[in-house]
C-alpha atoms as a PDB file:
ATOM      1  CA  MET A   1       3.976 -17.608  -7.033  1.00  0.00           C
ATOM      2  CA  ASN A   2       5.185 -21.009  -5.806  1.00  0.00           C
ATOM      3  CA  THR A   3       3.115 -23.069  -3.373  1.00  0.00           C
ATOM      4  CA  GLU A   4       5.407 -22.505  -0.374  1.00  0.00           C
ATOM      5  CA  LYS A   5       5.501 -18.724  -0.860  1.00  0.00           C
ATOM      6  CA  GLU A   6       1.762 -18.540  -1.582  1.00  0.00           C
ATOM      7  CA  SER A   7       0.943 -20.410   1.656  1.00  0.00           C
ATOM      8  CA  ALA A   8       2.450 -17.494   3.607  1.00  0.00           C
ATOM      9  CA  PHE A   9      -0.360 -15.332   2.214  1.00  0.00           C
ATOM     10  CA  ARG A  10      -3.152 -17.873   2.821  1.00  0.00           C
ATOM     11  CA  ILE A  11      -5.433 -18.434   5.807  1.00  0.00           C
ATOM     12  CA  LEU A  12      -4.382 -21.748   7.322  1.00  0.00           C
ATOM     13  CA  SER A  13      -6.048 -24.140   9.746  1.00  0.00           C
ATOM     14  CA  HIS A  14      -5.322 -27.460  11.420  1.00  0.00           C
ATOM     15  CA  ARG A  15      -7.573 -29.952   9.665  1.00  0.00           C
ATOM     16  CA  GLU A  16      -7.398 -33.576   8.579  1.00  0.00           C
ATOM     17  CA  GLY A  17      -4.221 -34.078  10.579  1.00  0.00           C
ATOM     18  CA  SER A  18      -2.118 -31.264   9.127  1.00  0.00           C
ATOM     19  CA  VAL A  19      -1.825 -27.499   8.690  1.00  0.00           C
ATOM     20  CA  GLN A  20      -3.211 -26.499   5.307  1.00  0.00           C
ATOM     21  CA  PRO A  21      -5.261 -23.796   3.587  1.00  0.00           C
ATOM     22  CA  MET A  22      -8.603 -23.378   5.326  1.00  0.00           C
ATOM     23  CA  PHE A  23     -10.609 -24.415   2.253  1.00  0.00           C
ATOM     24  CA  GLU A  24      -9.541 -26.424  -0.779  1.00  0.00           C
ATOM     25  CA  ALA A  25     -11.118 -23.988  -3.231  1.00  0.00           C
ATOM     26  CA  ALA A  26      -8.716 -21.234  -4.268  1.00  0.00           C
ATOM     27  CA  PRO A  27      -9.628 -17.643  -3.307  1.00  0.00           C
ATOM     28  CA  ILE A  28     -11.206 -15.419  -5.950  1.00  0.00           C
ATOM     29  CA  GLY A  29      -9.055 -12.525  -7.109  1.00  0.00           C
ATOM     30  CA  PRO A  30      -5.758 -11.225  -5.741  1.00  0.00           C
ATOM     31  CA  LEU A  31      -4.373 -12.010  -2.321  1.00  0.00           C
ATOM     32  CA  SER A  32      -4.086  -9.320   0.344  1.00  0.00           C
ATOM     33  CA  PRO A  33      -1.073  -6.979   0.125  1.00  0.00           C
ATOM     34  CA  SER A  34      -0.763  -7.352   3.905  1.00  0.00           C
ATOM     35  CA  LEU A  35       1.065 -10.259   5.528  1.00  0.00           C
ATOM     36  CA  SER A  36      -1.021  -9.852   8.683  1.00  0.00           C
ATOM     37  CA  LEU A  37      -4.589  -9.096   7.555  1.00  0.00           C
ATOM     38  CA  LEU A  38      -5.283 -12.018   5.238  1.00  0.00           C
ATOM     39  CA  ILE A  39      -8.383 -11.703   3.065  1.00  0.00           C
ATOM     40  CA  GLU A  40      -9.965 -14.445   0.950  1.00  0.00           C
ATOM     41  CA  ARG A  41     -13.212 -14.293  -1.049  1.00  0.00           C
ATOM     42  CA  ARG A  42     -14.900 -17.510  -2.171  1.00  0.00           C
ATOM     43  CA  GLU A  43     -18.044 -18.910  -3.708  1.00  0.00           C
ATOM     44  CA  LEU A  44     -18.246 -22.305  -1.988  1.00  0.00           C
ATOM     45  CA  GLU A  45     -20.271 -25.357  -2.939  1.00  0.00           C
ATOM     46  CA  PRO A  46     -22.252 -27.308  -0.287  1.00  0.00           C
ATOM     47  CA  THR A  47     -20.040 -29.342   2.015  1.00  0.00           C
ATOM     48  CA  SER A  48     -20.185 -32.023   4.683  1.00  0.00           C
ATOM     49  CA  TRP A  49     -18.910 -31.362   8.193  1.00  0.00           C
ATOM     50  CA  GLN A  50     -15.400 -29.902   8.455  1.00  0.00           C
ATOM     51  CA  SER A  51     -13.345 -29.509  11.648  1.00  0.00           C
ATOM     52  CA  HIS A  52     -10.876 -26.616  11.976  1.00  0.00           C
ATOM     53  CA  LEU A  53      -8.434 -25.303  14.582  1.00  0.00           C
ATOM     54  CA  LEU A  54      -7.304 -21.742  13.873  1.00  0.00           C
ATOM     55  CA  GLU A  55      -4.197 -19.980  15.155  1.00  0.00           C
ATOM     56  CA  ASP A  56      -5.804 -16.520  14.865  1.00  0.00           C
ATOM     57  CA  GLN A  57      -9.225 -14.920  15.146  1.00  0.00           C
ATOM     58  CA  LEU A  58     -11.272 -15.338  11.977  1.00  0.00           C
ATOM     59  CA  LEU A  59     -14.379 -13.651  10.609  1.00  0.00           C
ATOM     60  CA  HIS A  60     -16.455 -15.181   7.822  1.00  0.00           C
ATOM     61  CA  PHE A  61     -18.359 -12.237   6.332  1.00  0.00           C
ATOM     62  CA  PHE A  62     -21.385 -13.279   4.293  1.00  0.00           C
ATOM     63  CA  MET A  63     -22.305 -11.574   1.034  1.00  0.00           C
ATOM     64  CA  LYS A  64     -25.549 -13.549   0.521  1.00  0.00           C
ATOM     65  CA  PRO A  65     -28.105 -15.204   2.864  1.00  0.00           C
ATOM     66  CA  ALA A  66     -26.966 -18.578   4.217  1.00  0.00           C
ATOM     67  CA  VAL A  67     -27.717 -21.204   6.858  1.00  0.00           C
ATOM     68  CA  ILE A  68     -24.609 -22.565   8.583  1.00  0.00           C
ATOM     69  CA  GLY A  69     -24.271 -25.619  10.774  1.00  0.00           C
ATOM     70  CA  PHE A  70     -21.821 -24.702  13.541  1.00  0.00           C
ATOM     71  CA  SER A  71     -20.539 -26.107  16.820  1.00  0.00           C
ATOM     72  CA  MET A  72     -17.517 -25.688  19.085  1.00  0.00           C
ATOM     73  CA  LYS A  73     -15.711 -29.039  19.409  1.00  0.00           C
ATOM     74  CA  ASP A  74     -18.205 -31.435  21.083  1.00  0.00           C
ATOM     75  CA  ALA A  75     -20.862 -28.812  21.842  1.00  0.00           C
ATOM     76  CA  THR A  76     -24.433 -28.961  20.587  1.00  0.00           C
ATOM     77  CA  ILE A  77     -24.773 -28.274  16.877  1.00  0.00           C
ATOM     78  CA  ALA A  78     -26.600 -25.069  15.998  1.00  0.00           C
ATOM     79  CA  LYS A  79     -28.139 -24.101  12.665  1.00  0.00           C
ATOM     80  CA  ILE A  80     -27.363 -20.436  12.226  1.00  0.00           C
ATOM     81  CA  PRO A  81     -29.186 -18.250   9.690  1.00  0.00           C
ATOM     82  CA  VAL A  82     -26.863 -15.528   8.429  1.00  0.00           C
ATOM     83  CA  ALA A  83     -27.983 -12.422   6.552  1.00  0.00           C
ATOM     84  CA  PRO A  84     -25.854 -10.460   4.056  1.00  0.00           C
ATOM     85  CA  GLY A  85     -23.572  -8.123   6.004  1.00  0.00           C
ATOM     86  CA  GLN A  86     -23.372 -10.416   9.040  1.00  0.00           C
ATOM     87  CA  ALA A  87     -20.303 -12.398  10.075  1.00  0.00           C
ATOM     88  CA  VAL A  88     -19.658 -15.719  11.783  1.00  0.00           C
ATOM     89  CA  PHE A  89     -16.862 -15.374  14.327  1.00  0.00           C
ATOM     90  CA  CYS A  90     -14.444 -18.301  14.766  1.00  0.00           C
ATOM     91  CA  PRO A  91     -12.191 -17.848  17.818  1.00  0.00           C
ATOM     92  CA  ARG A  92      -8.581 -18.898  17.722  1.00  0.00           C
ATOM     93  CA  LYS A  93      -7.161 -22.062  19.290  1.00  0.00           C
ATOM     94  CA  GLU A  94     -10.532 -23.799  19.629  1.00  0.00           C
ATOM     95  CA  TRP A  95     -11.775 -26.637  17.473  1.00  0.00           C
ATOM     96  CA  HIS A  96     -14.976 -25.809  15.666  1.00  0.00           C
ATOM     97  CA  ASN A  97     -17.122 -27.730  13.210  1.00  0.00           C
ATOM     98  CA  ILE A  98     -18.859 -26.105  10.276  1.00  0.00           C
ATOM     99  CA  LYS A  99     -21.002 -27.143   7.303  1.00  0.00           C
ATOM    100  CA  TRP A 100     -23.489 -25.684   4.824  1.00  0.00           C
ATOM    101  CA  ASP A 101     -26.049 -27.454   2.633  1.00  0.00           C
ATOM    102  CA  GLU A 102     -26.287 -24.765  -0.058  1.00  0.00           C
ATOM    103  CA  GLY A 103     -23.639 -22.692  -1.808  1.00  0.00           C
ATOM    104  CA  ILE A 104     -22.302 -19.684   0.105  1.00  0.00           C
ATOM    105  CA  SER A 105     -20.592 -16.422  -0.832  1.00  0.00           C
ATOM    106  CA  VAL A 106     -18.128 -15.458   1.872  1.00  0.00           C
ATOM    107  CA  LEU A 107     -15.230 -13.120   2.606  1.00  0.00           C
ATOM    108  CA  SER A 108     -12.870 -14.665   5.175  1.00  0.00           C
ATOM    109  CA  ILE A 109     -10.654 -12.320   7.185  1.00  0.00           C
ATOM    110  CA  ARG A 110      -7.864 -13.423   9.492  1.00  0.00           C
ATOM    111  CA  ILE A 111      -7.181 -10.893  12.250  1.00  0.00           C
ATOM    112  CA  PRO A 112      -3.848 -11.785  13.895  1.00  0.00           C
ATOM    113  CA  ASP A 113      -3.196 -11.474  17.612  1.00  0.00           C
ATOM    114  CA  SER A 114      -0.410  -9.015  16.762  1.00  0.00           C
ATOM    115  CA  ALA A 115      -3.022  -6.507  15.549  1.00  0.00           C
ATOM    116  CA  LEU A 116      -5.155  -7.015  18.666  1.00  0.00           C
ATOM    117  CA  VAL A 117      -2.148  -6.708  20.975  1.00  0.00           C
ATOM    118  CA  GLU A 118      -1.104  -3.492  19.218  1.00  0.00           C
ATOM    119  CA  ALA A 119      -4.621  -2.077  19.584  1.00  0.00           C
ATOM    120  CA  ALA A 120      -4.659  -3.087  23.252  1.00  0.00           C
ATOM    121  CA  ARG A 121      -1.135  -1.957  24.128  1.00  0.00           C
ATOM    122  CA  GLU A 122      -2.161   1.104  26.118  1.00  0.00           C
ATOM    123  CA  ARG A 123      -5.734   0.069  26.872  1.00  0.00           C
ATOM    124  CA  LEU A 124      -5.590  -3.405  28.445  1.00  0.00           C
ATOM    125  CA  THR A 125      -3.288  -5.625  30.421  1.00  0.00           C
ATOM    126  CA  GLU A 126      -2.096  -8.602  28.376  1.00  0.00           C
ATOM    127  CA  ARG A 127      -4.126 -11.106  30.379  1.00  0.00           C
ATOM    128  CA  SER A 128      -7.361  -9.271  29.689  1.00  0.00           C
ATOM    129  CA  LEU A 129      -7.071  -9.588  25.905  1.00  0.00           C
ATOM    130  CA  GLU A 130      -9.610 -12.305  25.218  1.00  0.00           C
ATOM    131  CA  ILE A 131     -12.319 -12.039  22.585  1.00  0.00           C
ATOM    132  CA  VAL A 132     -15.752 -13.352  23.584  1.00  0.00           C
ATOM    133  CA  PRO A 133     -16.878 -16.079  21.148  1.00  0.00           C
ATOM    134  CA  ARG A 134     -20.064 -15.199  19.258  1.00  0.00           C
ATOM    135  CA  HIS A 135     -21.630 -17.262  16.531  1.00  0.00           C
ATOM    136  CA  VAL A 136     -23.065 -14.369  14.540  1.00  0.00           C
ATOM    137  CA  VAL A 137     -21.707 -10.843  14.713  1.00  0.00           C
ATOM    138  CA  THR A 138     -23.991  -7.966  13.750  1.00  0.00           C
ATOM    139  CA  ASP A 139     -22.242  -4.618  13.895  1.00  0.00           C
ATOM    140  CA  ASP A 140     -22.813  -1.714  11.510  1.00  0.00           C
ATOM    141  CA  ARG A 141     -19.178  -0.630  11.769  1.00  0.00           C
ATOM    142  CA  LEU A 142     -17.927  -4.095  10.813  1.00  0.00           C
ATOM    143  CA  THR A 143     -20.427  -4.352   7.972  1.00  0.00           C
ATOM    144  CA  HIS A 144     -19.323  -1.006   6.532  1.00  0.00           C
ATOM    145  CA  LEU A 145     -15.616  -1.829   6.810  1.00  0.00           C
ATOM    146  CA  LEU A 146     -15.891  -5.322   5.365  1.00  0.00           C
ATOM    147  CA  PHE A 147     -18.013  -4.317   2.374  1.00  0.00           C
ATOM    148  CA  ALA A 148     -15.414  -1.600   1.708  1.00  0.00           C
ATOM    149  CA  LEU A 149     -12.648  -4.195   2.060  1.00  0.00           C
ATOM    150  CA  ASP A 150     -14.337  -6.542  -0.425  1.00  0.00           C
ATOM    151  CA  ALA A 151     -14.782  -3.676  -2.889  1.00  0.00           C
ATOM    152  CA  GLU A 152     -11.085  -2.869  -2.548  1.00  0.00           C
ATOM    153  CA  ARG A 153     -10.229  -6.550  -3.116  1.00  0.00           C
ATOM    154  CA  ALA A 154     -12.349  -6.515  -6.291  1.00  0.00           C
ATOM    155  CA  ARG A 155     -10.302  -3.511  -7.508  1.00  0.00           C
ATOM    156  CA  GLY A 156      -7.090  -5.464  -7.026  1.00  0.00           C
ATOM    157  CA  TYR A 157      -6.139  -3.527  -3.869  1.00  0.00           C
ATOM    158  CA  ALA A 158      -5.514  -0.486  -6.037  1.00  0.00           C
ATOM    159  CA  ALA A 159      -5.493   1.815  -2.990  1.00  0.00           C
ATOM    160  CA  GLY A 160      -2.439  -0.031  -1.666  1.00  0.00           C
ATOM    161  CA  LYS A 161      -1.212  -1.346   1.653  1.00  0.00           C
ATOM    162  CA  LEU A 162      -1.976   1.792   3.680  1.00  0.00           C
ATOM    163  CA  PHE A 163      -5.710   1.341   3.056  1.00  0.00           C
ATOM    164  CA  VAL A 164      -5.596  -2.303   4.193  1.00  0.00           C
ATOM    165  CA  ASP A 165      -3.496  -1.361   7.241  1.00  0.00           C
ATOM    166  CA  CYS A 166      -6.088   1.241   8.267  1.00  0.00           C
ATOM    167  CA  ILE A 167      -8.882  -1.343   7.896  1.00  0.00           C
ATOM    168  CA  GLU A 168      -6.895  -3.829   9.991  1.00  0.00           C
ATOM    169  CA  SER A 169      -6.396  -1.262  12.767  1.00  0.00           C
ATOM    170  CA  ALA A 170     -10.103  -0.358  12.721  1.00  0.00           C
ATOM    171  CA  LEU A 171     -11.187  -4.026  12.823  1.00  0.00           C
ATOM    172  CA  ALA A 172      -8.856  -4.760  15.732  1.00  0.00           C
ATOM    173  CA  ASN A 173     -10.209  -1.794  17.694  1.00  0.00           C
ATOM    174  CA  ILE A 174     -13.819  -2.845  17.049  1.00  0.00           C
ATOM    175  CA  LEU A 175     -13.124  -6.374  18.302  1.00  0.00           C
ATOM    176  CA  LEU A 176     -11.238  -4.984  21.276  1.00  0.00           C
ATOM    177  CA  THR A 177     -13.922  -2.500  22.317  1.00  0.00           C
ATOM    178  CA  SER A 178     -17.048  -4.525  21.529  1.00  0.00           C
ATOM    179  CA  PHE A 179     -16.180  -8.202  21.925  1.00  0.00           C
ATOM    180  CA  ASN A 180     -13.443  -8.338  24.567  1.00  0.00           C
ATOM    181  CA  THR A 181     -14.091  -9.896  27.991  1.00  0.00           C
ATOM    182  CA  PHE A 182     -12.906  -6.704  29.739  1.00  0.00           C
ATOM    183  CA  THR A 183     -13.893  -3.139  28.947  1.00  0.00           C
ATOM    184  CA  PRO A 184     -10.815  -1.321  27.625  1.00  0.00           C
ATOM    185  CA  ARG A 185      -9.800   2.134  28.710  1.00  0.00           C
ATOM    186  CA  SER A 186     -10.856   4.802  26.261  1.00  0.00           C
ATOM    187  CA  ILE A 187      -8.239   6.358  24.036  1.00  0.00           C
ATOM    188  CA  THR A 188      -8.380   9.809  22.530  1.00  0.00           C
ATOM    189  CA  GLY A 189      -6.237  11.900  20.295  1.00  0.00           C
ATOM    190  CA  LYS A 190      -5.473  14.133  23.306  1.00  0.00           C
ATOM    191  CA  GLY A 191      -5.721  17.216  21.109  1.00  0.00           C
ATOM    192  CA  GLY A 192      -3.773  15.662  18.266  1.00  0.00           C
ATOM    193  CA  MET A 193      -0.085  15.493  17.483  1.00  0.00           C
ATOM    194  CA  ALA A 194       2.435  18.151  18.339  1.00  0.00           C
ATOM    195  CA  PRO A 195       2.777  20.415  15.272  1.00  0.00           C
ATOM    196  CA  HIS A 196       6.395  19.446  14.663  1.00  0.00           C
ATOM    197  CA  VAL A 197       5.515  15.722  14.765  1.00  0.00           C
ATOM    198  CA  LEU A 198       2.605  16.156  12.358  1.00  0.00           C
ATOM    199  CA  ARG A 199       4.840  18.180  10.051  1.00  0.00           C
ATOM    200  CA  ARG A 200       7.454  15.406  10.091  1.00  0.00           C
ATOM    201  CA  VAL A 201       4.842  12.769   9.226  1.00  0.00           C
ATOM    202  CA  VAL A 202       3.346  14.841   6.397  1.00  0.00           C
ATOM    203  CA  GLU A 203       6.826  15.502   4.996  1.00  0.00           C
ATOM    204  CA  PHE A 204       7.502  11.742   5.120  1.00  0.00           C
ATOM    205  CA  MET A 205       4.228  11.043   3.285  1.00  0.00           C
ATOM    206  CA  ASP A 206       5.033  13.681   0.673  1.00  0.00           C
ATOM    207  CA  ALA A 207       8.553  12.353   0.149  1.00  0.00           C
ATOM    208  CA  ASN A 208       7.201   8.817  -0.347  1.00  0.00           C
ATOM    209  CA  ILE A 209       4.098   9.737  -2.328  1.00  0.00           C
ATOM    210  CA  ASP A 210       4.986   7.319  -5.131  1.00  0.00           C
ATOM    211  CA  LYS A 211       5.562   4.375  -2.757  1.00  0.00           C
ATOM    212  CA  GLN A 212       3.259   1.901  -1.007  1.00  0.00           C
ATOM    213  CA  ILE A 213       4.009   2.847   2.597  1.00  0.00           C
ATOM    214  CA  GLY A 214       2.201   1.213   5.504  1.00  0.00           C
ATOM    215  CA  LEU A 215       0.608   2.438   8.705  1.00  0.00           C
ATOM    216  CA  LYS A 216       3.573   1.217  10.756  1.00  0.00           C
ATOM    217  CA  ASP A 217       5.948   3.336   8.639  1.00  0.00           C
ATOM    218  CA  LEU A 218       3.945   6.437   9.589  1.00  0.00           C
ATOM    219  CA  ALA A 219       3.605   5.464  13.256  1.00  0.00           C
ATOM    220  CA  ASP A 220       7.362   4.872  13.471  1.00  0.00           C
ATOM    221  CA  CYS A 221       7.982   8.268  11.875  1.00  0.00           C
ATOM    222  CA  ALA A 222       5.825   9.868  14.580  1.00  0.00           C
ATOM    223  CA  GLY A 223       7.338   7.754  17.376  1.00  0.00           C
ATOM    224  CA  LEU A 224       3.882   6.464  18.408  1.00  0.00           C
ATOM    225  CA  SER A 225       2.112   3.135  18.696  1.00  0.00           C
ATOM    226  CA  LEU A 226      -0.206   2.248  15.827  1.00  0.00           C
ATOM    227  CA  SER A 227      -3.331   2.923  17.893  1.00  0.00           C
ATOM    228  CA  HIS A 228      -2.173   6.261  19.257  1.00  0.00           C
ATOM    229  CA  PHE A 229      -0.906   7.329  15.868  1.00  0.00           C
ATOM    230  CA  SER A 230      -4.247   6.619  14.169  1.00  0.00           C
ATOM    231  CA  PHE A 231      -6.241   8.454  16.831  1.00  0.00           C
ATOM    232  CA  GLN A 232      -3.907  11.433  17.049  1.00  0.00           C
ATOM    233  CA  PHE A 233      -3.541  11.756  13.286  1.00  0.00           C
ATOM    234  CA  ARG A 234      -7.322  11.859  12.846  1.00  0.00           C
ATOM    235  CA  ALA A 235      -7.626  14.342  15.722  1.00  0.00           C
ATOM    236  CA  SER A 236      -5.075  16.590  14.012  1.00  0.00           C
ATOM    237  CA  THR A 237      -6.331  16.354  10.423  1.00  0.00           C
ATOM    238  CA  ASN A 238      -9.930  15.080  10.691  1.00  0.00           C
ATOM    239  CA  GLN A 239      -8.916  12.386   8.199  1.00  0.00           C
ATOM    240  CA  SER A 240      -7.501   8.881   8.327  1.00  0.00           C
ATOM    241  CA  PRO A 241      -3.884   8.476   7.163  1.00  0.00           C
ATOM    242  CA  HIS A 242      -5.138   6.834   3.972  1.00  0.00           C
ATOM    243  CA  GLN A 243      -7.551   9.694   3.216  1.00  0.00           C
ATOM    244  CA  TYR A 244      -4.835  12.259   3.866  1.00  0.00           C
ATOM    245  CA  MET A 245      -2.407  10.422   1.586  1.00  0.00           C
ATOM    246  CA  LEU A 246      -5.006  10.435  -1.195  1.00  0.00           C
ATOM    247  CA  ARG A 247      -5.403  14.176  -0.720  1.00  0.00           C
ATOM    248  CA  LEU A 248      -1.646  14.702  -1.058  1.00  0.00           C
ATOM    249  CA  ARG A 249      -1.595  12.550  -4.185  1.00  0.00           C
ATOM    250  CA  ILE A 250      -4.420  14.488  -5.815  1.00  0.00           C
ATOM    251  CA  GLU A 251      -2.796  17.853  -5.035  1.00  0.00           C
ATOM    252  CA  ARG A 252       0.551  16.666  -6.429  1.00  0.00           C
ATOM    253  CA  SER A 253      -1.147  15.224  -9.514  1.00  0.00           C
ATOM    254  CA  LYS A 254      -2.753  18.610 -10.249  1.00  0.00           C
ATOM    255  CA  GLU A 255       0.720  20.140 -10.362  1.00  0.00           C
ATOM    256  CA  LEU A 256       2.077  17.400 -12.619  1.00  0.00           C
ATOM    257  CA  LEU A 257      -0.846  17.617 -15.031  1.00  0.00           C
ATOM    258  CA  THR A 258       0.435  21.052 -16.059  1.00  0.00           C
ATOM    259  CA  ASP A 259       3.429  19.294 -17.634  1.00  0.00           C
ATOM    260  CA  SER A 260       2.285  18.265 -21.115  1.00  0.00           C
ATOM    261  CA  ARG A 261       5.259  15.929 -21.463  1.00  0.00           C
ATOM    262  CA  LEU A 262       3.647  13.553 -18.938  1.00  0.00           C
ATOM    263  CA  SER A 263       0.742  11.335 -19.909  1.00  0.00           C
ATOM    264  CA  VAL A 264      -2.163  10.924 -17.491  1.00  0.00           C
ATOM    265  CA  LEU A 265      -0.886   7.413 -16.735  1.00  0.00           C
ATOM    266  CA  ASP A 266       2.602   8.793 -16.002  1.00  0.00           C
ATOM    267  CA  VAL A 267       1.111  11.328 -13.584  1.00  0.00           C
ATOM    268  CA  GLY A 268      -0.902   8.653 -11.776  1.00  0.00           C
ATOM    269  CA  LEU A 269       2.112   6.389 -11.358  1.00  0.00           C
ATOM    270  CA  GLU A 270       4.275   9.326 -10.257  1.00  0.00           C
ATOM    271  CA  VAL A 271       1.966  10.002  -7.317  1.00  0.00           C
ATOM    272  CA  GLY A 272       1.517   6.380  -6.230  1.00  0.00           C
ATOM    273  CA  PHE A 273      -1.617   5.139  -8.010  1.00  0.00           C
ATOM    274  CA  ARG A 274      -1.223   1.618  -9.305  1.00  0.00           C
ATOM    275  CA  ASN A 275      -3.249   2.043 -12.474  1.00  0.00           C
ATOM    276  CA  GLN A 276      -4.902   4.756 -14.551  1.00  0.00           C
ATOM    277  CA  GLN A 277      -8.449   3.630 -13.745  1.00  0.00           C
ATOM    278  CA  HIS A 278      -7.988   4.021 -10.001  1.00  0.00           C
ATOM    279  CA  PHE A 279      -6.249   7.374 -10.470  1.00  0.00           C
ATOM    280  CA  ALA A 280      -9.094   8.628 -12.685  1.00  0.00           C
ATOM    281  CA  THR A 281     -11.768   7.446 -10.233  1.00  0.00           C
ATOM    282  CA  VAL A 282     -10.166   9.029  -7.159  1.00  0.00           C
ATOM    283  CA  PHE A 283      -9.355  12.239  -9.062  1.00  0.00           C
ATOM    284  CA  ARG A 284     -12.922  12.574 -10.373  1.00  0.00           C
ATOM    285  CA  ASN A 285     -14.390  11.923  -6.907  1.00  0.00           C
ATOM    286  CA  SER A 286     -12.155  14.628  -5.442  1.00  0.00           C
ATOM    287  CA  VAL A 287     -12.070  17.266  -8.191  1.00  0.00           C
ATOM    288  CA  GLY A 288     -15.336  16.626 -10.014  1.00  0.00           C
ATOM    289  CA  VAL A 289     -13.858  15.769 -13.425  1.00  0.00           C
ATOM    290  CA  PRO A 290     -11.371  13.120 -14.671  1.00  0.00           C
ATOM    291  CA  PRO A 291      -7.705  14.154 -14.882  1.00  0.00           C
ATOM    292  CA  SER A 292      -7.848  14.228 -18.698  1.00  0.00           C
ATOM    293  CA  VAL A 293     -10.679  16.771 -18.595  1.00  0.00           C
ATOM    294  CA  TYR A 294      -8.987  18.761 -15.816  1.00  0.00           C
ATOM    295  CA  ARG A 295      -5.892  19.068 -17.987  1.00  0.00           C
ATOM    296  CA  THR A 296      -7.893  20.571 -20.880  1.00  0.00           C
ATOM    297  CA  GLN A 297      -9.295  23.204 -18.512  1.00  0.00           C
ATOM    298  CA  LEU A 298      -5.882  24.475 -17.423  1.00  0.00           C
END
């Protein structure tokens, strides 16, 4: 990947007089499959003060205990102790200064305004979309989602773009409902989707089972906004779109495993898994045995 193309997938900030990657150290592991939810894991050495101006909201999610020096522009400097599973929130379009005297282990997540606006479309007026700055964010929902996101990153994003899209939507809704300056209107599934709409979406998922479709593809198929689609789909199926897609893939893979001409790897690829290890793990978690063992029991 050339430098210009790679920069499109990197978290950028205004620092030292130009727009450049947020930190000089390269991220660990693969880059996010999403162009909107950018995800970067790093083990960073101690540093002197750095000044950053971000174009989008940013969360630094800490994997190990740390003490961070932090201030907004010319404000008083605070030393912030951060526990594993907590995040430091850096609001967009405000200069902030940051430093740490010991090495840190951090997952940085850029949450674009587009995701927040989509989450807020039917819940807030545009002028009321403003996230309240907080130095340290402690929220069990965020902690659960971000540990899951880091685990998915470590697997090379084997679950695909739909998983990351669902995490992005959930993160945006958490920020909107818990850290916005105005209380948003509640949103419900309103009893779920009309049966014919749900059927159309499921048929679309089934027809594209071998592809890496995104949440927007499904929302467009249903003719709904991303937020309403996610809520109504869960209300109709009691599962997230990603969970439902995994279920379809496992059911299709059971059918294909009856064909002895196909290897286990062929079956996994045919139903949209990126590698045999991920296919075997998901299959075993769902069925109770690996696909190779399941095949011998047929």
